[in-house]
C-alpha atoms as a PDB file:
ATOM      1  CA  MET A   1    -166.974 -51.697 -93.724  1.00  0.00           C
ATOM      2  CA  SER A   2    -167.020 -50.035 -90.642  1.00  0.00           C
ATOM      3  CA  THR A   3    -168.790 -52.952 -88.580  1.00  0.00           C
ATOM      4  CA  LYS A   4    -165.592 -55.034 -89.933  1.00  0.00           C
ATOM      5  CA  ALA A   5    -163.279 -52.543 -88.657  1.00  0.00           C
ATOM      6  CA  ALA A   6    -165.319 -52.354 -85.369  1.00  0.00           C
ATOM      7  CA  THR A   7    -164.820 -56.338 -85.172  1.00  0.00           C
ATOM      8  CA  GLN A   8    -161.053 -56.139 -85.495  1.00  0.00           C
ATOM      9  CA  ALA A   9    -160.649 -53.369 -82.771  1.00  0.00           C
ATOM     10  CA  THR A  10    -162.838 -55.220 -80.422  1.00  0.00           C
ATOM     11  CA  GLN A  11    -160.554 -58.442 -80.996  1.00  0.00           C
ATOM     12  CA  ALA A  12    -157.388 -56.458 -80.664  1.00  0.00           C
ATOM     13  CA  THR A  13    -158.242 -55.193 -77.282  1.00  0.00           C
ATOM     14  CA  THR A  14    -159.416 -58.622 -76.449  1.00  0.00           C
ATOM     15  CA  LYS A  15    -156.234 -60.448 -77.071  1.00  0.00           C
ATOM     16  CA  ALA A  16    -154.307 -57.590 -75.406  1.00  0.00           C
ATOM     17  CA  ALA A  17    -155.822 -57.719 -72.039  1.00  0.00           C
ATOM     18  CA  LYS A  18    -153.753 -59.515 -69.558  1.00  0.00           C
ATOM     19  CA  PRO A  19    -155.040 -61.858 -67.368  1.00  0.00           C
ATOM     20  CA  ARG A  20    -156.500 -60.807 -63.889  1.00  0.00           C
ATOM     21  CA  TYR A  21    -154.377 -62.741 -61.030  1.00  0.00           C
ATOM     22  CA  LYS A  22    -156.930 -64.476 -58.659  1.00  0.00           C
ATOM     23  CA  THR A  23    -156.125 -64.426 -55.234  1.00  0.00           C
ATOM     24  CA  PRO A  24    -156.638 -67.619 -53.273  1.00  0.00           C
ATOM     25  CA  ASN A  25    -159.612 -68.596 -51.454  1.00  0.00           C
ATOM     26  CA  PHE A  26    -159.635 -70.534 -47.998  1.00  0.00           C
ATOM     27  CA  PHE A  27    -159.882 -73.849 -50.109  1.00  0.00           C
ATOM     28  CA  ASP A  28    -157.114 -73.399 -52.307  1.00  0.00           C
ATOM     29  CA  ILE A  29    -155.047 -71.998 -49.516  1.00  0.00           C
ATOM     30  CA  CYS A  30    -156.134 -75.225 -47.552  1.00  0.00           C
ATOM     31  CA  PHE A  31    -155.145 -77.748 -50.122  1.00  0.00           C
ATOM     32  CA  LYS A  32    -151.627 -76.754 -50.456  1.00  0.00           C
ATOM     33  CA  LEU A  33    -150.829 -77.319 -46.711  1.00  0.00           C
ATOM     34  CA  GLN A  34    -149.757 -80.286 -44.740  1.00  0.00           C
ATOM     35  CA  ASN A  35    -152.764 -82.274 -43.205  1.00  0.00           C
ATOM     36  CA  PHE A  36    -155.157 -79.414 -45.255  1.00  0.00           C
ATOM     37  CA  GLY A  37    -153.639 -76.659 -42.651  1.00  0.00           C
ATOM     38  CA  VAL A  38    -155.772 -78.335 -39.471  1.00  0.00           C
ATOM     39  CA  GLY A  39    -154.215 -76.240 -36.309  1.00  0.00           C
ATOM     40  CA  ARG A  40    -153.348 -73.553 -38.459  1.00  0.00           C
ATOM     41  CA  LEU A  41    -154.581 -69.833 -38.189  1.00  0.00           C
ATOM     42  CA  PHE A  42    -156.544 -68.061 -40.941  1.00  0.00           C
ATOM     43  CA  ARG A  43    -157.418 -64.134 -41.082  1.00  0.00           C
ATOM     44  CA  ARG A  44    -159.734 -62.095 -43.382  1.00  0.00           C
ATOM     45  CA  SER A  45    -157.895 -59.336 -44.682  1.00  0.00           C
ATOM     46  CA  HIS A  46    -160.542 -56.534 -43.439  1.00  0.00           C
ATOM     47  CA  TRP A  47    -161.058 -58.222 -39.844  1.00  0.00           C
ATOM     48  CA  PRO A  48    -159.656 -56.369 -36.819  1.00  0.00           C
ATOM     49  CA  GLU A  49    -156.053 -57.231 -36.217  1.00  0.00           C
ATOM     50  CA  ASP A  50    -156.965 -59.413 -33.126  1.00  0.00           C
ATOM     51  CA  SER A  51    -159.453 -61.594 -34.893  1.00  0.00           C
ATOM     52  CA  TYR A  52    -158.558 -65.009 -36.682  1.00  0.00           C
ATOM     53  CA  LEU A  53    -159.808 -68.455 -37.058  1.00  0.00           C
ATOM     54  CA  ARG A  54    -158.156 -71.770 -36.068  1.00  0.00           C
ATOM     55  CA  LEU A  55    -158.765 -74.697 -38.254  1.00  0.00           C
ATOM     56  CA  VAL A  56    -159.899 -77.598 -36.309  1.00  0.00           C
ATOM     57  CA  LYS A  57    -161.092 -79.966 -38.851  1.00  0.00           C
ATOM     58  CA  PHE A  58    -161.087 -80.174 -42.464  1.00  0.00           C
ATOM     59  CA  VAL A  59    -162.764 -82.451 -44.884  1.00  0.00           C
ATOM     60  CA  PRO A  60    -162.463 -82.352 -48.346  1.00  0.00           C
ATOM     61  CA  THR A  61    -165.321 -83.213 -50.800  1.00  0.00           C
ATOM     62  CA  THR A  62    -164.563 -86.038 -53.177  1.00  0.00           C
ATOM     63  CA  ASN A  63    -167.256 -84.918 -55.651  1.00  0.00           C
ATOM     64  CA  SER A  64    -165.817 -81.203 -56.301  1.00  0.00           C
ATOM     65  CA  ILE A  65    -165.996 -79.714 -59.462  1.00  0.00           C
ATOM     66  CA  ALA A  66    -162.813 -80.370 -61.755  1.00  0.00           C
ATOM     67  CA  GLY A  67    -160.145 -78.098 -60.791  1.00  0.00           C
ATOM     68  CA  HIS A  68    -161.898 -76.486 -58.023  1.00  0.00           C
ATOM     69  CA  ASN A  69    -161.141 -77.389 -54.586  1.00  0.00           C
ATOM     70  CA  ARG A  70    -163.776 -77.594 -52.255  1.00  0.00           C
ATOM     71  CA  GLY A  71    -164.578 -79.035 -48.477  1.00  0.00           C
ATOM     72  CA  LYS A  72    -166.115 -78.460 -45.259  1.00  0.00           C
ATOM     73  CA  ALA A  73    -164.144 -76.552 -42.670  1.00  0.00           C
ATOM     74  CA  THR A  74    -164.761 -76.628 -38.798  1.00  0.00           C
ATOM     75  CA  VAL A  75    -163.056 -73.570 -37.175  1.00  0.00           C
ATOM     76  CA  LEU A  76    -162.770 -71.929 -33.573  1.00  0.00           C
ATOM     77  CA  LYS A  77    -163.618 -68.331 -33.992  1.00  0.00           C
ATOM     78  CA  ILE A  78    -161.349 -65.861 -31.959  1.00  0.00           C
ATOM     79  CA  TRP A  79    -163.093 -62.308 -32.556  1.00  0.00           C
ATOM     80  CA  LYS A  80    -161.331 -59.350 -30.844  1.00  0.00           C
ATOM     81  CA  GLY A  81    -159.023 -61.608 -28.668  1.00  0.00           C
ATOM     82  CA  GLU A  82    -162.329 -63.383 -27.033  1.00  0.00           C
ATOM     83  CA  VAL A  83    -162.660 -67.235 -27.945  1.00  0.00           C
ATOM     84  CA  ALA A  84    -166.120 -69.025 -29.135  1.00  0.00           C
ATOM     85  CA  LYS A  85    -167.566 -71.332 -26.754  1.00  0.00           C
ATOM     86  CA  LYS A  86    -167.495 -74.064 -29.470  1.00  0.00           C
ATOM     87  CA  PRO A  87    -166.137 -74.743 -33.245  1.00  0.00           C
ATOM     88  CA  ILE A  88    -168.317 -73.814 -36.356  1.00  0.00           C
ATOM     89  CA  ILE A  89    -168.587 -74.594 -39.617  1.00  0.00           C
ATOM     90  CA  MET A  90    -166.896 -71.813 -41.442  1.00  0.00           C
ATOM     91  CA  ASN A  91    -168.847 -68.972 -43.304  1.00  0.00           C
ATOM     92  CA  GLY A  92    -167.284 -67.425 -46.591  1.00  0.00           C
ATOM     93  CA  PRO A  93    -164.759 -69.662 -47.669  1.00  0.00           C
ATOM     94  CA  LEU A  94    -165.056 -69.162 -51.262  1.00  0.00           C
ATOM     95  CA  LYS A  95    -164.360 -65.340 -50.859  1.00  0.00           C
ATOM     96  CA  ARG A  96    -160.848 -64.570 -51.747  1.00  0.00           C
ATOM     97  CA  ILE A  97    -159.912 -62.399 -48.770  1.00  0.00           C
ATOM     98  CA  TRP A  98    -158.119 -65.152 -46.538  1.00  0.00           C
ATOM     99  CA  LYS A  99    -154.723 -64.974 -45.308  1.00  0.00           C
ATOM    100  CA  LEU A 100    -152.317 -67.707 -43.799  1.00  0.00           C
ATOM    101  CA  VAL A 101    -150.731 -66.515 -40.602  1.00  0.00           C
ATOM    102  CA  ASP A 102    -147.330 -67.552 -41.063  1.00  0.00           C
ATOM    103  CA  HIS A 103    -146.102 -70.607 -38.721  1.00  0.00           C
ATOM    104  CA  GLU A 104    -143.177 -68.859 -37.386  1.00  0.00           C
ATOM    105  CA  GLU A 105    -145.433 -66.049 -35.986  1.00  0.00           C
ATOM    106  CA  GLN A 106    -148.205 -68.069 -35.117  1.00  0.00           C
ATOM    107  CA  GLU A 107    -147.575 -68.630 -31.353  1.00  0.00           C
ATOM    108  CA  ALA A 108    -146.492 -64.797 -31.154  1.00  0.00           C
ATOM    109  CA  PHE A 109    -149.611 -64.014 -32.792  1.00  0.00           C
ATOM    110  CA  ILE A 110    -151.742 -65.834 -30.057  1.00  0.00           C
ATOM    111  CA  LYS A 111    -149.654 -64.541 -27.207  1.00  0.00           C
ATOM    112  CA  LYS A 112    -149.980 -60.939 -28.541  1.00  0.00           C
ATOM    113  CA  PHE A 113    -153.588 -60.969 -28.988  1.00  0.00           C
ATOM    114  CA  SER A 114    -155.172 -63.527 -26.235  1.00  0.00           C
ATOM    115  CA  ARG A 115    -156.945 -61.624 -23.631  1.00  0.00           C
ATOM    116  CA  SER A 116    -155.974 -62.636 -19.524  1.00  0.00           C
ATOM    117  CA  SER A 117    -158.809 -64.645 -17.868  1.00  0.00           C
ATOM    118  CA  ASP A 118    -158.041 -62.611 -14.724  1.00  0.00           C
ATOM    119  CA  SER A 119    -160.319 -59.767 -15.608  1.00  0.00           C
END
């Protein structure tokens, strides 16, 4: 009898648990944007304030798993205000820590954190 009671208690707690909200990964964000977000700025939540990625090219994969957005993203990395010499294939796009810089704030964001070439 105690086994039956334990099983019922386990089922009750399983049903009562609320589904956990999943934050979108990089691909989920790109698939919602026009032209897959090419030209837009992305940041990771724990990066320094003046570090971000500019999406240069995005190629969605056609054989992705049903319901999962996938692709290859080529980005230009700006780290602490310094622009990388050439675009790279993005690392860590499936991590759920990506944020999109608002379209209205994008130009102000670039001006604020770009370093002058005079120094």
